Protein backbone atom coordinates (compact mmCIF):
# COMPACT_ATOMS: atom_id res chain seq x y z
CA MET A 1 -12.30 -51.21 142.32
CA LYS A 2 -11.82 -51.80 146.21
CA ILE A 3 -11.47 -48.83 148.37
CA LEU A 4 -7.91 -49.72 149.66
CA GLN A 5 -6.58 -51.29 146.43
CA GLY A 6 -2.92 -50.38 145.99
CA LYS A 7 -2.42 -49.67 149.71
CA THR A 8 -0.33 -51.63 152.11
CA ALA A 9 -1.28 -52.11 155.89
CA VAL A 10 1.02 -53.40 158.63
CA VAL A 11 -0.97 -55.06 161.44
CA THR A 12 0.72 -55.85 164.69
CA GLY A 13 -0.54 -58.56 166.92
CA ALA A 14 -2.26 -59.99 163.88
CA SER A 15 -2.18 -63.73 164.59
CA LYS A 16 -5.58 -63.83 166.27
CA GLY A 17 -8.42 -61.83 167.89
CA ILE A 18 -8.77 -58.22 166.88
CA GLY A 19 -5.54 -58.04 164.90
CA LYS A 20 -6.63 -60.78 162.77
CA ALA A 21 -9.95 -59.43 162.26
CA ILE A 22 -8.60 -56.11 161.10
CA ALA A 23 -6.11 -57.84 158.82
CA LEU A 24 -8.92 -59.61 157.08
CA LYS A 25 -11.26 -56.57 156.91
CA LEU A 26 -8.45 -54.47 155.18
CA ALA A 27 -7.60 -57.27 152.99
CA GLY A 28 -11.16 -57.65 151.94
CA GLU A 29 -10.98 -54.06 150.81
CA GLY A 30 -8.03 -54.67 148.56
CA ALA A 31 -5.14 -53.68 150.82
CA ASN A 32 -1.94 -55.75 150.77
CA ILE A 33 -1.35 -56.83 154.31
CA VAL A 34 1.82 -57.47 156.46
CA LEU A 35 0.84 -59.58 159.66
CA SER A 36 3.29 -59.49 162.45
CA ALA A 37 3.14 -61.41 165.89
CA ARG A 38 5.44 -63.45 168.07
CA ASN A 39 3.84 -66.92 167.61
CA VAL A 40 4.94 -68.33 164.20
CA GLU A 41 2.46 -71.15 164.04
CA GLU A 42 -0.55 -68.86 164.60
CA LEU A 43 0.95 -66.34 162.18
CA THR A 44 1.20 -68.81 159.56
CA ARG A 45 -2.41 -69.87 159.94
CA ALA A 46 -3.52 -66.25 159.88
CA GLU A 47 -1.48 -65.56 156.70
CA LYS A 48 -3.33 -68.37 154.95
CA GLU A 49 -6.64 -66.83 155.99
CA VAL A 50 -5.82 -63.38 154.75
CA ALA A 51 -4.30 -64.81 151.48
CA ALA A 52 -7.72 -66.18 150.70
CA ALA A 53 -9.07 -62.65 150.38
CA GLY A 54 -6.93 -62.29 147.30
CA SER A 55 -4.66 -59.45 148.31
CA GLY A 56 -0.87 -59.58 148.65
CA VAL A 57 0.15 -60.72 152.10
CA MET A 58 3.30 -61.62 153.98
CA SER A 59 3.92 -62.29 157.69
CA VAL A 60 7.03 -61.36 159.90
CA ARG A 61 7.62 -62.82 163.19
CA THR A 62 7.94 -59.65 165.46
CA ASP A 63 8.29 -58.96 169.19
CA VAL A 64 7.35 -55.26 169.12
CA ARG A 65 9.36 -54.98 172.42
CA ASN A 66 12.58 -55.54 170.40
CA VAL A 67 13.83 -52.73 168.38
CA LYS A 68 15.70 -54.61 165.93
CA ASP A 69 12.60 -56.92 165.27
CA VAL A 70 10.54 -53.78 164.60
CA GLU A 71 13.22 -52.27 162.29
CA GLN A 72 13.39 -55.50 160.39
CA LEU A 73 9.52 -55.56 159.94
CA ALA A 74 9.71 -52.04 158.41
CA VAL A 75 12.61 -52.97 156.07
CA ARG A 76 10.81 -56.10 154.85
CA ALA A 77 7.45 -54.48 154.43
CA GLU A 78 8.71 -51.60 152.54
CA LYS A 79 10.83 -53.83 150.37
CA GLU A 80 7.99 -56.23 149.65
CA PHE A 81 5.34 -53.70 148.77
CA GLY A 82 7.11 -50.44 147.97
CA GLY A 83 5.87 -48.43 150.88
CA VAL A 84 3.38 -48.67 153.82
CA GLN A 85 0.27 -46.29 154.00
CA ILE A 86 -1.35 -47.78 157.13
CA LEU A 87 0.06 -49.03 160.42
CA VAL A 88 -2.19 -50.71 162.85
CA ASN A 89 -0.53 -50.69 166.33
CA ASN A 90 -2.51 -53.57 167.80
CA ALA A 91 -0.06 -55.79 169.58
CA GLY A 92 -0.99 -55.79 173.38
CA ILE A 93 -0.98 -57.84 176.50
CA GLY A 94 -2.60 -57.66 179.91
CA LYS A 95 -1.43 -58.63 183.37
CA PHE A 96 -4.05 -58.11 186.02
CA GLN A 97 -2.91 -58.15 189.57
CA GLU A 98 -2.89 -55.92 192.72
CA VAL A 99 0.22 -53.85 192.96
CA LEU A 100 1.79 -55.58 195.80
CA LYS A 101 1.38 -58.83 193.85
CA LEU A 102 2.55 -57.49 190.44
CA THR A 103 6.00 -58.80 189.55
CA ASP A 104 8.62 -56.54 187.88
CA GLU A 105 8.50 -58.86 184.90
CA ASP A 106 4.77 -58.57 184.50
CA PHE A 107 4.90 -54.76 184.76
CA HIS A 108 7.72 -54.39 182.43
CA SER A 109 6.20 -56.71 179.84
CA VAL A 110 2.76 -54.91 179.85
CA ILE A 111 4.49 -51.36 179.50
CA GLU A 112 7.00 -52.51 177.01
CA THR A 113 4.46 -54.26 174.69
CA ASN A 114 1.62 -51.70 175.02
CA LEU A 115 3.65 -48.37 175.07
CA TYR A 116 7.24 -49.01 173.85
CA GLY A 117 5.94 -51.39 171.02
CA VAL A 118 3.71 -48.43 169.59
CA PHE A 119 6.73 -45.98 169.94
CA TYR A 120 9.05 -48.44 168.15
CA CYS A 121 6.82 -49.30 165.34
CA SER A 122 5.61 -45.71 164.70
CA ARG A 123 9.17 -44.58 164.67
CA ALA A 124 10.07 -47.29 162.16
CA PHE A 125 7.26 -46.46 159.80
CA LEU A 126 6.92 -42.66 159.96
CA PRO A 127 10.08 -41.74 157.99
CA GLY A 128 8.49 -43.61 154.99
CA MET A 129 5.21 -42.05 155.38
CA ILE A 130 6.80 -38.65 155.81
CA LYS A 131 8.78 -39.24 152.68
CA ASN A 132 5.56 -40.15 150.69
CA ASN A 133 3.70 -37.29 152.28
CA GLY A 134 0.82 -39.36 153.70
CA GLY A 135 -0.14 -42.31 155.73
CA HIS A 136 -2.29 -43.39 158.76
CA ILE A 137 -1.45 -44.86 162.09
CA VAL A 138 -4.19 -46.43 164.12
CA ASN A 139 -3.54 -47.34 167.58
CA ILE A 140 -5.64 -49.91 169.39
CA SER A 141 -6.01 -48.71 172.99
CA SER A 142 -8.70 -49.27 175.47
CA LEU A 143 -11.33 -47.73 177.59
CA ALA A 144 -9.26 -48.91 180.54
CA GLY A 145 -6.89 -46.05 179.63
CA LYS A 146 -9.69 -43.78 180.87
CA ASN A 147 -11.62 -45.91 183.46
CA MET A 148 -9.40 -47.29 186.00
CA PHE A 149 -10.12 -50.45 188.13
CA ALA A 150 -8.49 -52.40 190.91
CA GLY A 151 -6.03 -54.99 189.58
CA GLY A 152 -5.38 -52.92 186.36
CA SER A 153 -2.54 -50.76 187.43
CA ALA A 154 -0.07 -52.12 184.54
CA TYR A 155 -2.66 -52.35 181.99
CA CYS A 156 -4.37 -49.12 182.66
CA ALA A 157 -1.24 -47.23 182.94
CA SER A 158 0.00 -48.46 179.64
CA LYS A 159 -3.14 -47.60 177.81
CA HIS A 160 -3.44 -44.02 179.52
CA ALA A 161 0.13 -43.48 178.48
CA LEU A 162 -0.63 -44.70 174.88
CA ASN A 163 -3.52 -42.26 174.56
CA ALA A 164 -1.21 -39.34 175.54
CA PHE A 165 1.55 -40.63 173.24
CA ALA A 166 -0.75 -40.95 170.31
CA GLU A 167 -2.24 -37.46 170.78
CA CYS A 168 1.17 -35.77 170.88
CA MET A 169 2.31 -37.73 167.78
CA MET A 170 -0.88 -36.93 165.84
CA LEU A 171 -0.26 -33.10 166.53
CA GLU A 172 3.48 -33.73 165.36
CA VAL A 173 2.79 -35.33 162.09
CA ARG A 174 -0.69 -33.95 160.71
CA GLN A 175 1.05 -31.44 158.59
CA HIS A 176 2.79 -34.17 156.68
CA ASN A 177 -0.69 -35.40 155.69
CA ILE A 178 -0.21 -38.30 158.21
CA LYS A 179 -3.23 -39.07 160.38
CA VAL A 180 -3.05 -40.66 163.77
CA SER A 181 -6.14 -42.33 165.26
CA THR A 182 -6.80 -44.12 168.42
CA VAL A 183 -9.46 -46.67 169.04
CA CYS A 184 -10.50 -47.19 172.71
CA PRO A 185 -12.80 -50.37 172.77
CA GLY A 186 -14.70 -51.42 175.82
CA SER A 187 -15.17 -55.26 176.53
CA VAL A 188 -14.43 -57.24 173.55
CA ALA A 189 -15.20 -61.06 173.35
CA THR A 190 -11.79 -62.46 172.76
CA GLU A 191 -9.59 -64.74 174.73
CA PHE A 192 -7.66 -61.75 175.91
CA SER A 193 -10.55 -60.31 177.96
CA HIS A 194 -12.23 -62.18 180.83
CA PRO A 195 -10.97 -65.65 179.98
CA GLY A 196 -13.23 -68.44 180.94
CA GLU A 197 -16.32 -66.09 181.56
CA ARG A 198 -19.30 -67.96 179.80
CA ASP A 199 -21.64 -65.17 178.68
CA ARG A 200 -20.06 -62.64 176.42
CA SER A 201 -22.78 -62.22 174.04
CA TRP A 202 -23.29 -58.72 175.14
CA ALA A 203 -19.65 -57.67 174.35
CA LEU A 204 -18.13 -56.30 171.28
CA THR A 205 -16.60 -58.54 168.75
CA SER A 206 -13.34 -58.39 167.03
CA GLU A 207 -15.15 -57.67 163.77
CA ASP A 208 -16.69 -54.54 165.45
CA VAL A 209 -13.29 -53.09 166.16
CA ALA A 210 -12.07 -54.06 162.64
CA GLN A 211 -15.10 -52.12 161.10
CA VAL A 212 -14.10 -49.03 163.05
CA VAL A 213 -10.62 -49.32 161.72
CA LEU A 214 -11.85 -49.75 158.24
CA ASN A 215 -13.95 -46.57 158.66
CA LEU A 216 -11.04 -44.59 160.01
CA VAL A 217 -8.66 -45.46 157.07
CA THR A 218 -11.26 -44.54 154.57
CA THR A 219 -12.38 -41.21 155.79
CA SER A 220 -11.96 -38.32 153.32
CA ALA A 221 -8.58 -37.03 152.81
CA GLY A 222 -9.19 -33.62 154.54
CA SER A 223 -10.61 -35.02 157.77
CA LEU A 224 -8.94 -36.61 160.87
CA VAL A 225 -10.91 -38.72 163.50
CA SER A 226 -8.20 -38.81 166.14
CA LEU A 227 -10.13 -40.60 169.12
CA VAL A 228 -12.98 -43.21 169.07
CA ASP A 229 -14.57 -44.76 172.20
CA LEU A 230 -16.14 -48.01 171.26
CA ARG A 231 -18.66 -49.42 173.66
CA PRO A 232 -20.98 -52.29 173.79
CA LEU A 233 -24.54 -51.08 173.31
CA LYS A 234 -26.18 -52.92 176.30
CA PRO A 235 -23.83 -54.36 178.79
CA PRO A 236 -24.99 -56.12 181.98
CA GLN A 237 -26.48 -53.64 184.45
CA LYS A 238 -24.53 -53.34 187.76
CA ARG A 239 -26.74 -54.00 190.85
């Protein structure tokens, strides 16, 4: 029997990159998967890939910035599979620009996706987890939430706030047998990070992050890993 057989996982931002890798990894261990993302075409392709793993799967077009979208996601997921044991808050975007050049729209879109989206999704799925006396919320953050850089004001602020939000939530819900874990990857070789950079062979892969998520959701019942820093082993040396 596969280790996640009979469990259901919701993964946001699951149409590509880290989100899709997480969905495939959890499906490979027997979990039913609910995929959510904004791009319907990419979401449909991802659903076909996850279905090939043999688990139950459904996709729901969701903009995590929209409360009604998120509430509908929770209703459909719980109706289809009878409960959700794992929520992976992976949806995120980045807009990298100096403060004086950062538009209102760009700043709001980053904060609303990376922070509000986690709040909306967690709030939507927590009641079901509390009712069932258990669950696991995994938040995909970033080392950028700890290590600031010029041009990263919106992104760094969103991830820094996410880390604080997640820790508070962890302290609030742990007595309900609900775990909250936050993963802070460094550079990952995806379209999201450093687009157009040729040599990313040293960087983490989406599968590296997915493996960490699987490790987290399969830890023993009485243990909680609340924060993971995931770094490339040998990044380029700064000169």
